[in-house]
Structure formats: C-alpha cells, structure tokens
Amino acid sequence: MSVHKKEVKKKVTTHSLLKLKQKGEKISMLTAYDYSMAKIIDGAGIDIILVGDSASNVMAGNETTLPITLDHMIYHASSVVKAVETALVVVDIPFGSYQGDSHKALDSAIRIMKETGGHAVKMEGGAEIKNSIERILSAGVPVMGHLGLMPQSIYKYGTYAVRAKQEEEANKLIEDAKLLEELGCFAMVLEKIPAELAKRVAEAVSIPVIGIGAGQDVDGQVLVMHDMLGINNDFAPRFLRKYANLHEIITDAVGSYIEDVKGRDFPNEKECY
C-alpha cells in the first residue's frame, strides 16, 4: 500500500535564489505586513516576502514612505516572520535609519535581525550608501539593494515618473548595480525604469534582479500586496496587474452584514447558543 506524502517545499535562501537565476527560473515576490496575510502568501508558495516600508502608505495612510520608523518596521516584520515557513523574509530599513551613518545603519540592521527573525534587509541607493552596505554585510547580514525610482528619495525627484530615461542617469544606475554586486548584495530591486535598461542590468550582474515596473527581462517580479489584490482601489499605474478586486468583495460583504444586522437577520437561531 503506497503512502502519499505531502510535498514539503524547501526553505528559500539567498543561495537558492541565486540558483533560480542561474537556471532561468523566475522569482516571485510580494509584500506583507501582518501575520494573517503573510500566512496566506507563504502558503501559496511565494519565494520572497518583502516587509516593505510601503506599510507607511497602505497600513498607516501616509502620503509617502518617509514617516515610518524603525520600531514600526520591526513590529510589522516580527508579525510576518511568525507566519512564514518557507519564504525568504526581507525587511526594508526605513528612511533615516541608515543614510549618512554606517554605524547607525549597522545598529538598525542588527535590531531588525535580532528582534524580528527576518532573513535579510533592503536598502535604497548605490554609491552614496556604500559604507552602510559594507558595514552591514561585514556583520553577516544579507542585503538586497534597490535602484531606479527610490520612494525614500521622492522629495528629491519631485515625481513618481519613470527613472533613468536619460543616458547619464542610466549609466549611473548600471554602475551602481555592478557596485551592489561587488559589495556583496545577494539581489536587488529595480523600480520603474525602462524595460531595455532593466534587461541590460540583469545581464550585467550575476545576482538576481527583481523588477517592479521594469519589464519582463529581469529575474523576478514584486508587487505590493494591497495593489495586486485590488484592496487599494485608487492606485492603477501601468505596471500593476490586479489579480482580484477585494475592494468590491469586502465592500459588498460589509454591506450585507450591515443589512442583516439592521434587519434582525443576523444572528439567526442556528447562530445562537
């Protein structure tokens, strides 16, 4: 009599992500900020969960990612990690917690690793944060880079438009991507840059390149969970594909609940003790 064993998915690591790139297999990545949603996403088989500083927008209602603090990020990340069995959990180091001070950067990264149980940190920038990346990596903390549109620098840009369309900025982005690899970053995110440039970067480095609004010729894709599930109904950039319309589903469900309560239909006899 044969016994069917449930397939056990191996834990995703920085090493296994590199293997995926080498094999040409795409990498899937989504954000999560709480236990319940992280459990669902991890159970579905996602490769990477990003505890993004986008929590500042979708969880706290801020206009930008800048207001979220290190303590906030640690709270969200520790909630996510408790739910995860196989995905690699990457945690954004928030604005003001690593720029310009490599010692502060290391302290921030160590707090994240020790207090959340996360597996890696993510930082925005290239040459300008070189010292912070080096110091964090020297402590054995894996770092994911982030180039292109960098939301923590939004007030410098003044717009969320596509980045690196001009040759000078494109060349710097390629140089920064190569630098991130040389420093020892295990992967990087490219946000909202021309697809052709993203392809050049993915071919120029041996580490995985994850895109968001960066075309299909990168090694993987990331979206904000609230956007791709249609919870955040007002956000509809070209790069976003909505896989559900939870805004409508939840609104209808809440409306039905209100109607049943007002109409004395809930709870019924079977729902009472």
C-alpha atoms as a PDB file:
ATOM      1  CA  MET A   1       0.000   0.000   0.000  1.00  0.00           C
ATOM      2  CA  SER A   2       1.542   3.272  -1.100  1.00  0.00           C
ATOM      3  CA  VAL A   3       1.551   6.250   1.215  1.00  0.00           C
ATOM      4  CA  HIS A   4       1.244   9.661  -0.417  1.00  0.00           C
ATOM      5  CA  LYS A   5       3.400  12.177   1.385  1.00  0.00           C
ATOM      6  CA  LYS A   6       2.630  15.868   1.212  1.00  0.00           C
ATOM      7  CA  GLU A   7       5.323  17.648  -0.777  1.00  0.00           C
ATOM      8  CA  VAL A   8       7.464  19.705   1.561  1.00  0.00           C
ATOM      9  CA  LYS A   9       8.682  22.934  -0.031  1.00  0.00           C
ATOM     10  CA  LYS A  10      12.254  23.744   0.898  1.00  0.00           C
ATOM     11  CA  LYS A  11      13.019  26.993   2.644  1.00  0.00           C
ATOM     12  CA  VAL A  12      14.039  29.756   0.254  1.00  0.00           C
ATOM     13  CA  THR A  13      17.518  31.129   0.915  1.00  0.00           C
ATOM     14  CA  THR A  14      19.804  33.697  -0.690  1.00  0.00           C
ATOM     15  CA  HIS A  15      21.688  30.735  -2.191  1.00  0.00           C
ATOM     16  CA  SER A  16      18.575  29.098  -3.659  1.00  0.00           C
ATOM     17  CA  LEU A  17      17.544  32.432  -5.236  1.00  0.00           C
ATOM     18  CA  LEU A  18      20.905  32.603  -6.999  1.00  0.00           C
ATOM     19  CA  LYS A  19      20.310  29.065  -8.276  1.00  0.00           C
ATOM     20  CA  LEU A  20      16.930  30.160  -9.669  1.00  0.00           C
ATOM     21  CA  LYS A  21      18.600  32.937 -11.672  1.00  0.00           C
ATOM     22  CA  GLN A  22      21.256  30.552 -12.942  1.00  0.00           C
ATOM     23  CA  LYS A  23      18.539  28.111 -14.067  1.00  0.00           C
ATOM     24  CA  GLY A  24      16.500  30.881 -15.681  1.00  0.00           C
ATOM     25  CA  GLU A  25      13.544  30.317 -13.339  1.00  0.00           C
ATOM     26  CA  LYS A  26      11.663  33.496 -12.412  1.00  0.00           C
ATOM     27  CA  ILE A  27      11.453  34.641  -8.772  1.00  0.00           C
ATOM     28  CA  SER A  28       8.127  35.682  -7.206  1.00  0.00           C
ATOM     29  CA  MET A  29       7.991  38.373  -4.515  1.00  0.00           C
ATOM     30  CA  LEU A  30       5.144  40.157  -2.729  1.00  0.00           C
ATOM     31  CA  THR A  31       4.845  42.489   0.227  1.00  0.00           C
ATOM     32  CA  ALA A  32       3.168  41.581   3.517  1.00  0.00           C
ATOM     33  CA  TYR A  33       2.838  43.458   6.783  1.00  0.00           C
ATOM     34  CA  ASP A  34       0.844  41.217   9.141  1.00  0.00           C
ATOM     35  CA  TYR A  35       0.593  37.613  10.320  1.00  0.00           C
ATOM     36  CA  SER A  36      -2.653  36.590   8.612  1.00  0.00           C
ATOM     37  CA  MET A  37      -1.807  37.788   5.106  1.00  0.00           C
ATOM     38  CA  ALA A  38       1.790  36.548   5.341  1.00  0.00           C
ATOM     39  CA  LYS A  39       0.498  33.085   6.239  1.00  0.00           C
ATOM     40  CA  ILE A  40      -1.698  33.018   3.126  1.00  0.00           C
ATOM     41  CA  ILE A  41       1.041  34.298   0.796  1.00  0.00           C
ATOM     42  CA  ASP A  42       3.666  31.943   2.199  1.00  0.00           C
ATOM     43  CA  GLY A  43       1.258  29.008   1.977  1.00  0.00           C
ATOM     44  CA  ALA A  44       0.623  29.823  -1.686  1.00  0.00           C
ATOM     45  CA  GLY A  45       4.315  29.301  -2.380  1.00  0.00           C
ATOM     46  CA  ILE A  46       5.794  32.786  -2.787  1.00  0.00           C
ATOM     47  CA  ASP A  47       9.607  32.881  -2.953  1.00  0.00           C
ATOM     48  CA  ILE A  48      10.231  36.186  -1.158  1.00  0.00           C
ATOM     49  CA  ILE A  49       8.081  38.223   1.218  1.00  0.00           C
ATOM     50  CA  LEU A  50       9.092  41.859   1.469  1.00  0.00           C
ATOM     51  CA  VAL A  51       8.087  43.652   4.636  1.00  0.00           C
ATOM     52  CA  GLY A  52       8.108  46.923   2.766  1.00  0.00           C
ATOM     53  CA  ASP A  53       8.198  50.454   4.080  1.00  0.00           C
ATOM     54  CA  SER A  54       5.147  50.750   1.811  1.00  0.00           C
ATOM     55  CA  ALA A  55       3.388  49.848   5.076  1.00  0.00           C
ATOM     56  CA  SER A  56       3.622  53.595   5.643  1.00  0.00           C
ATOM     57  CA  ASN A  57       1.184  54.066   2.742  1.00  0.00           C
ATOM     58  CA  VAL A  58      -1.119  51.042   2.762  1.00  0.00           C
ATOM     59  CA  MET A  59      -1.239  50.335   6.503  1.00  0.00           C
ATOM     60  CA  ALA A  60      -0.832  53.793   8.053  1.00  0.00           C
ATOM     61  CA  GLY A  61      -2.300  56.040   5.331  1.00  0.00           C
ATOM     62  CA  ASN A  62       0.755  58.258   4.887  1.00  0.00           C
ATOM     63  CA  GLU A  63       1.399  60.004   1.572  1.00  0.00           C
ATOM     64  CA  THR A  64       4.995  58.726   1.386  1.00  0.00           C
ATOM     65  CA  THR A  65       7.177  56.022   2.935  1.00  0.00           C
ATOM     66  CA  LEU A  66       9.209  58.581   4.887  1.00  0.00           C
ATOM     67  CA  PRO A  67       7.206  58.736   8.170  1.00  0.00           C
ATOM     68  CA  ILE A  68       7.506  55.038   9.064  1.00  0.00           C
ATOM     69  CA  THR A  69      10.003  54.345  11.842  1.00  0.00           C
ATOM     70  CA  LEU A  70      12.385  51.502  12.618  1.00  0.00           C
ATOM     71  CA  ASP A  71      10.140  50.457  15.522  1.00  0.00           C
ATOM     72  CA  HIS A  72       7.144  50.310  13.159  1.00  0.00           C
ATOM     73  CA  MET A  73       9.090  48.159  10.686  1.00  0.00           C
ATOM     74  CA  ILE A  74      10.196  45.804  13.448  1.00  0.00           C
ATOM     75  CA  TYR A  75       6.588  45.430  14.594  1.00  0.00           C
ATOM     76  CA  HIS A  76       5.364  44.556  11.082  1.00  0.00           C
ATOM     77  CA  ALA A  77       8.297  42.261  10.317  1.00  0.00           C
ATOM     78  CA  SER A  78       8.039  40.290  13.554  1.00  0.00           C
ATOM     79  CA  SER A  79       4.341  39.710  12.818  1.00  0.00           C
ATOM     80  CA  VAL A  80       5.146  38.439   9.316  1.00  0.00           C
ATOM     81  CA  VAL A  81       8.005  36.155  10.365  1.00  0.00           C
ATOM     82  CA  LYS A  82       5.763  34.297  12.828  1.00  0.00           C
ATOM     83  CA  ALA A  83       3.601  33.179   9.878  1.00  0.00           C
ATOM     84  CA  VAL A  84       6.294  32.165   7.425  1.00  0.00           C
ATOM     85  CA  GLU A  85       7.544  28.619   6.892  1.00  0.00           C
ATOM     86  CA  THR A  86       9.338  28.693   3.547  1.00  0.00           C
ATOM     87  CA  ALA A  87       9.637  32.188   2.029  1.00  0.00           C
ATOM     88  CA  LEU A  88      12.693  34.382   2.452  1.00  0.00           C
ATOM     89  CA  VAL A  89      11.647  37.425   4.505  1.00  0.00           C
ATOM     90  CA  VAL A  90      13.325  40.704   3.517  1.00  0.00           C
ATOM     91  CA  VAL A  91      12.762  43.817   5.641  1.00  0.00           C
ATOM     92  CA  ASP A  92      13.097  47.404   4.434  1.00  0.00           C
ATOM     93  CA  ILE A  93      15.347  49.596   6.562  1.00  0.00           C
ATOM     94  CA  PRO A  94      13.283  52.795   6.765  1.00  0.00           C
ATOM     95  CA  PHE A  95      14.298  56.319   5.823  1.00  0.00           C
ATOM     96  CA  GLY A  96      16.678  57.941   8.300  1.00  0.00           C
ATOM     97  CA  SER A  97      17.915  54.640   9.725  1.00  0.00           C
ATOM     98  CA  TYR A  98      20.976  54.109   7.502  1.00  0.00           C
ATOM     99  CA  GLN A  99      21.726  57.102   5.270  1.00  0.00           C
ATOM    100  CA  GLY A 100      24.924  59.004   6.044  1.00  0.00           C
ATOM    101  CA  ASP A 101      25.945  56.987   9.110  1.00  0.00           C
ATOM    102  CA  SER A 102      27.235  53.445   8.646  1.00  0.00           C
ATOM    103  CA  HIS A 103      27.301  52.800  12.398  1.00  0.00           C
ATOM    104  CA  LYS A 104      23.632  53.737  12.692  1.00  0.00           C
ATOM    105  CA  ALA A 105      22.928  51.579   9.633  1.00  0.00           C
ATOM    106  CA  LEU A 106      24.514  48.548  11.284  1.00  0.00           C
ATOM    107  CA  ASP A 107      22.614  49.167  14.514  1.00  0.00           C
ATOM    108  CA  SER A 108      19.353  49.341  12.524  1.00  0.00           C
ATOM    109  CA  ALA A 109      20.095  46.133  10.617  1.00  0.00           C
ATOM    110  CA  ILE A 110      21.061  44.256  13.784  1.00  0.00           C
ATOM    111  CA  ARG A 111      17.880  45.363  15.535  1.00  0.00           C
ATOM    112  CA  ILE A 112      15.812  44.119  12.592  1.00  0.00           C
ATOM    113  CA  MET A 113      17.555  40.744  12.507  1.00  0.00           C
ATOM    114  CA  LYS A 114      17.503  40.175  16.270  1.00  0.00           C
ATOM    115  CA  GLU A 115      14.022  41.498  17.048  1.00  0.00           C
ATOM    116  CA  THR A 116      12.107  40.188  14.028  1.00  0.00           C
ATOM    117  CA  GLY A 117      13.747  36.937  12.974  1.00  0.00           C
ATOM    118  CA  GLY A 118      13.859  38.244   9.402  1.00  0.00           C
ATOM    119  CA  HIS A 119      16.354  36.872   6.916  1.00  0.00           C
ATOM    120  CA  ALA A 120      17.689  39.979   5.151  1.00  0.00           C
ATOM    121  CA  VAL A 121      17.350  43.749   4.869  1.00  0.00           C
ATOM    122  CA  LYS A 122      16.723  46.008   1.868  1.00  0.00           C
ATOM    123  CA  MET A 123      18.223  49.454   1.308  1.00  0.00           C
ATOM    124  CA  GLU A 124      17.703  52.130  -1.353  1.00  0.00           C
ATOM    125  CA  GLY A 125      20.694  53.574  -3.165  1.00  0.00           C
ATOM    126  CA  GLY A 126      24.054  52.846  -4.734  1.00  0.00           C
ATOM    127  CA  ALA A 127      27.428  54.516  -4.281  1.00  0.00           C
ATOM    128  CA  GLU A 128      26.014  57.060  -1.830  1.00  0.00           C
ATOM    129  CA  ILE A 129      25.263  54.343   0.759  1.00  0.00           C
ATOM    130  CA  LYS A 130      28.332  52.185   0.010  1.00  0.00           C
ATOM    131  CA  ASN A 131      29.767  52.487   3.527  1.00  0.00           C
ATOM    132  CA  SER A 132      26.496  51.499   5.175  1.00  0.00           C
ATOM    133  CA  ILE A 133      26.122  48.444   2.933  1.00  0.00           C
ATOM    134  CA  GLU A 134      29.702  47.363   3.613  1.00  0.00           C
ATOM    135  CA  ARG A 135      29.335  47.672   7.370  1.00  0.00           C
ATOM    136  CA  ILE A 136      26.058  45.729   7.440  1.00  0.00           C
ATOM    137  CA  LEU A 137      27.470  42.977   5.223  1.00  0.00           C
ATOM    138  CA  SER A 138      30.575  42.771   7.432  1.00  0.00           C
ATOM    139  CA  ALA A 139      28.269  41.683  10.273  1.00  0.00           C
ATOM    140  CA  GLY A 140      26.903  38.832   8.162  1.00  0.00           C
ATOM    141  CA  VAL A 141      23.527  40.424   7.421  1.00  0.00           C
ATOM    142  CA  PRO A 142      22.325  39.776   3.842  1.00  0.00           C
ATOM    143  CA  VAL A 143      21.477  42.961   1.919  1.00  0.00           C
ATOM    144  CA  MET A 144      19.104  43.417  -1.019  1.00  0.00           C
ATOM    145  CA  GLY A 145      19.722  46.603  -2.985  1.00  0.00           C
ATOM    146  CA  HIS A 146      17.135  48.923  -4.574  1.00  0.00           C
ATOM    147  CA  LEU A 147      17.771  51.201  -7.573  1.00  0.00           C
ATOM    148  CA  GLY A 148      15.714  53.219 -10.041  1.00  0.00           C
ATOM    149  CA  LEU A 149      12.756  55.004  -8.501  1.00  0.00           C
ATOM    150  CA  MET A 150      13.566  55.137  -4.789  1.00  0.00           C
ATOM    151  CA  PRO A 151      10.453  56.181  -2.825  1.00  0.00           C
ATOM    152  CA  GLN A 152      12.511  57.288   0.190  1.00  0.00           C
ATOM    153  CA  SER A 153      14.004  59.997  -2.085  1.00  0.00           C
ATOM    154  CA  ILE A 154      10.688  61.097  -3.577  1.00  0.00           C
ATOM    155  CA  TYR A 155      11.041  64.712  -2.459  1.00  0.00           C
ATOM    156  CA  LYS A 156      14.373  64.894  -4.282  1.00  0.00           C
ATOM    157  CA  TYR A 157      12.764  63.634  -7.503  1.00  0.00           C
ATOM    158  CA  GLY A 158       9.538  65.593  -7.080  1.00  0.00           C
ATOM    159  CA  THR A 159       7.678  62.990  -9.135  1.00  0.00           C
ATOM    160  CA  TYR A 160       6.953  59.252  -9.336  1.00  0.00           C
ATOM    161  CA  ALA A 161       7.750  59.250 -13.081  1.00  0.00           C
ATOM    162  CA  VAL A 162       9.936  56.611 -14.743  1.00  0.00           C
ATOM    163  CA  ARG A 163      13.609  56.963 -13.783  1.00  0.00           C
ATOM    164  CA  ALA A 164      16.843  56.607 -15.808  1.00  0.00           C
ATOM    165  CA  LYS A 165      15.367  57.539 -19.189  1.00  0.00           C
ATOM    166  CA  GLN A 166      18.343  59.836 -19.830  1.00  0.00           C
ATOM    167  CA  GLU A 167      21.760  58.375 -20.656  1.00  0.00           C
ATOM    168  CA  GLU A 168      23.597  59.911 -17.693  1.00  0.00           C
ATOM    169  CA  GLU A 169      21.183  58.507 -15.100  1.00  0.00           C
ATOM    170  CA  ALA A 170      21.026  55.156 -16.913  1.00  0.00           C
ATOM    171  CA  ASN A 171      24.819  54.838 -16.883  1.00  0.00           C
ATOM    172  CA  LYS A 172      24.944  55.643 -13.173  1.00  0.00           C
ATOM    173  CA  LEU A 173      22.270  53.035 -12.482  1.00  0.00           C
ATOM    174  CA  ILE A 174      24.301  50.358 -14.285  1.00  0.00           C
ATOM    175  CA  GLU A 175      27.426  51.391 -12.354  1.00  0.00           C
ATOM    176  CA  ASP A 176      25.508  51.279  -9.080  1.00  0.00           C
ATOM    177  CA  ALA A 177      24.091  47.835  -9.925  1.00  0.00           C
ATOM    178  CA  LYS A 178      27.586  46.482 -10.551  1.00  0.00           C
ATOM    179  CA  LEU A 179      28.765  48.105  -7.311  1.00  0.00           C
ATOM    180  CA  LEU A 180      25.968  46.451  -5.311  1.00  0.00           C
ATOM    181  CA  GLU A 181      27.087  43.074  -6.647  1.00  0.00           C
ATOM    182  CA  GLU A 182      30.765  43.820  -5.916  1.00  0.00           C
ATOM    183  CA  LEU A 183      29.948  44.842  -2.356  1.00  0.00           C
ATOM    184  CA  GLY A 184      28.184  41.516  -1.792  1.00  0.00           C
ATOM    185  CA  CYS A 185      24.447  42.235  -2.067  1.00  0.00           C
ATOM    186  CA  PHE A 186      22.572  38.996  -2.771  1.00  0.00           C
ATOM    187  CA  ALA A 187      19.918  40.604  -5.009  1.00  0.00           C
ATOM    188  CA  MET A 188      18.438  43.955  -5.995  1.00  0.00           C
ATOM    189  CA  VAL A 189      15.121  45.562  -6.878  1.00  0.00           C
ATOM    190  CA  LEU A 190      14.784  47.812  -9.933  1.00  0.00           C
ATOM    191  CA  GLU A 191      11.758  50.097  -9.709  1.00  0.00           C
ATOM    192  CA  LYS A 192      10.071  51.939 -12.574  1.00  0.00           C
ATOM    193  CA  ILE A 193      12.831  52.096 -15.162  1.00  0.00           C
ATOM    194  CA  PRO A 194      12.769  51.398 -18.936  1.00  0.00           C
ATOM    195  CA  ALA A 195      12.497  47.671 -19.700  1.00  0.00           C
ATOM    196  CA  GLU A 196      15.522  47.765 -22.014  1.00  0.00           C
ATOM    197  CA  LEU A 197      17.710  49.227 -19.263  1.00  0.00           C
ATOM    198  CA  ALA A 198      16.466  46.678 -16.737  1.00  0.00           C
ATOM    199  CA  LYS A 199      17.378  43.889 -19.161  1.00  0.00           C
ATOM    200  CA  ARG A 200      20.903  45.312 -19.501  1.00  0.00           C
ATOM    201  CA  VAL A 201      21.292  45.377 -15.728  1.00  0.00           C
ATOM    202  CA  ALA A 202      20.017  41.809 -15.280  1.00  0.00           C
ATOM    203  CA  GLU A 203      22.523  40.628 -17.887  1.00  0.00           C
ATOM    204  CA  ALA A 204      25.374  42.689 -16.414  1.00  0.00           C
ATOM    205  CA  VAL A 205      25.197  41.210 -12.905  1.00  0.00           C
ATOM    206  CA  SER A 206      25.172  37.613 -11.686  1.00  0.00           C
ATOM    207  CA  ILE A 207      22.851  38.257  -8.712  1.00  0.00           C
ATOM    208  CA  PRO A 208      19.034  38.161  -9.033  1.00  0.00           C
ATOM    209  CA  VAL A 209      17.328  41.346 -10.231  1.00  0.00           C
ATOM    210  CA  ILE A 210      13.706  41.787  -9.161  1.00  0.00           C
ATOM    211  CA  GLY A 211      11.608  44.268 -11.110  1.00  0.00           C
ATOM    212  CA  ILE A 212       8.599  46.430 -10.362  1.00  0.00           C
ATOM    213  CA  GLY A 213       7.631  48.383 -13.442  1.00  0.00           C
ATOM    214  CA  ALA A 214      10.887  47.238 -15.050  1.00  0.00           C
ATOM    215  CA  GLY A 215       9.679  44.893 -17.781  1.00  0.00           C
ATOM    216  CA  GLN A 216       9.855  41.112 -18.096  1.00  0.00           C
ATOM    217  CA  ASP A 217      13.562  40.588 -18.853  1.00  0.00           C
ATOM    218  CA  VAL A 218      14.614  40.634 -15.192  1.00  0.00           C
ATOM    219  CA  ASP A 219      14.920  37.642 -12.864  1.00  0.00           C
ATOM    220  CA  GLY A 220      11.683  38.147 -10.934  1.00  0.00           C
ATOM    221  CA  GLN A 221       8.814  40.459 -10.096  1.00  0.00           C
ATOM    222  CA  VAL A 222       7.499  42.187  -6.968  1.00  0.00           C
ATOM    223  CA  LEU A 223       4.189  43.938  -6.324  1.00  0.00           C
ATOM    224  CA  VAL A 224       2.585  45.492  -3.273  1.00  0.00           C
ATOM    225  CA  MET A 225       0.010  43.003  -1.983  1.00  0.00           C
ATOM    226  CA  HIS A 226      -2.713  45.638  -1.445  1.00  0.00           C
ATOM    227  CA  ASP A 227      -2.299  46.768  -5.064  1.00  0.00           C
ATOM    228  CA  MET A 228      -2.350  43.374  -6.797  1.00  0.00           C
ATOM    229  CA  LEU A 229      -5.320  42.178  -4.713  1.00  0.00           C
ATOM    230  CA  GLY A 230      -7.318  45.294  -5.584  1.00  0.00           C
ATOM    231  CA  ILE A 231      -7.641  46.441  -1.964  1.00  0.00           C
ATOM    232  CA  ASN A 232      -6.045  49.780  -2.784  1.00  0.00           C
ATOM    233  CA  ASN A 233      -8.647  50.793  -5.363  1.00  0.00           C
ATOM    234  CA  ASP A 234      -7.242  54.209  -6.294  1.00  0.00           C
ATOM    235  CA  PHE A 235      -3.761  53.091  -7.418  1.00  0.00           C
ATOM    236  CA  ALA A 236      -3.528  51.974 -11.044  1.00  0.00           C
ATOM    237  CA  PRO A 237      -0.107  52.530 -12.657  1.00  0.00           C
ATOM    238  CA  ARG A 238       0.687  50.862 -15.983  1.00  0.00           C
ATOM    239  CA  PHE A 239       2.892  48.173 -14.392  1.00  0.00           C
ATOM    240  CA  LEU A 240       0.201  46.933 -11.990  1.00  0.00           C
ATOM    241  CA  ARG A 241      -1.881  43.864 -12.801  1.00  0.00           C
ATOM    242  CA  LYS A 242      -4.783  43.386 -10.382  1.00  0.00           C
ATOM    243  CA  TYR A 243      -5.386  39.706  -9.673  1.00  0.00           C
ATOM    244  CA  ALA A 244      -8.523  40.312  -7.601  1.00  0.00           C
ATOM    245  CA  ASN A 245     -10.954  43.082  -6.674  1.00  0.00           C
ATOM    246  CA  LEU A 246     -11.055  42.684  -2.911  1.00  0.00           C
ATOM    247  CA  HIS A 247     -12.215  46.289  -2.527  1.00  0.00           C
ATOM    248  CA  GLU A 248     -15.517  45.357  -4.158  1.00  0.00           C
ATOM    249  CA  ILE A 249     -15.770  41.950  -2.450  1.00  0.00           C
ATOM    250  CA  ILE A 250     -15.129  43.366   1.020  1.00  0.00           C
ATOM    251  CA  THR A 251     -17.437  46.344   0.461  1.00  0.00           C
ATOM    252  CA  ASP A 252     -20.261  44.002  -0.618  1.00  0.00           C
ATOM    253  CA  ALA A 253     -19.647  41.664   2.338  1.00  0.00           C
ATOM    254  CA  VAL A 254     -19.688  44.502   4.863  1.00  0.00           C
ATOM    255  CA  GLY A 255     -22.822  45.922   3.233  1.00  0.00           C
ATOM    256  CA  SER A 256     -24.578  42.553   3.546  1.00  0.00           C
ATOM    257  CA  TYR A 257     -23.526  42.279   7.184  1.00  0.00           C
ATOM    258  CA  ILE A 258     -24.893  45.743   7.972  1.00  0.00           C
ATOM    259  CA  GLU A 259     -28.156  44.891   6.209  1.00  0.00           C
ATOM    260  CA  ASP A 260     -28.536  41.621   8.132  1.00  0.00           C
ATOM    261  CA  VAL A 261     -27.820  43.290  11.483  1.00  0.00           C
ATOM    262  CA  LYS A 262     -30.232  46.152  10.830  1.00  0.00           C
ATOM    263  CA  GLY A 263     -32.874  43.737   9.531  1.00  0.00           C
ATOM    264  CA  ARG A 264     -32.510  41.435  12.579  1.00  0.00           C
ATOM    265  CA  ASP A 265     -31.500  38.558  10.295  1.00  0.00           C
ATOM    266  CA  PHE A 266     -28.126  38.110  11.995  1.00  0.00           C
ATOM    267  CA  PRO A 267     -27.715  36.198  14.192  1.00  0.00           C
ATOM    268  CA  ASN A 268     -30.399  33.635  13.403  1.00  0.00           C
ATOM    269  CA  GLU A 269     -31.459  30.709  15.660  1.00  0.00           C
ATOM    270  CA  LYS A 270     -28.638  28.448  14.455  1.00  0.00           C
ATOM    271  CA  GLU A 271     -26.073  31.130  15.244  1.00  0.00           C
ATOM    272  CA  CYS A 272     -27.177  31.488  18.869  1.00  0.00           C
ATOM    273  CA  TYR A 273     -26.211  29.368  21.903  1.00  0.00           C
END
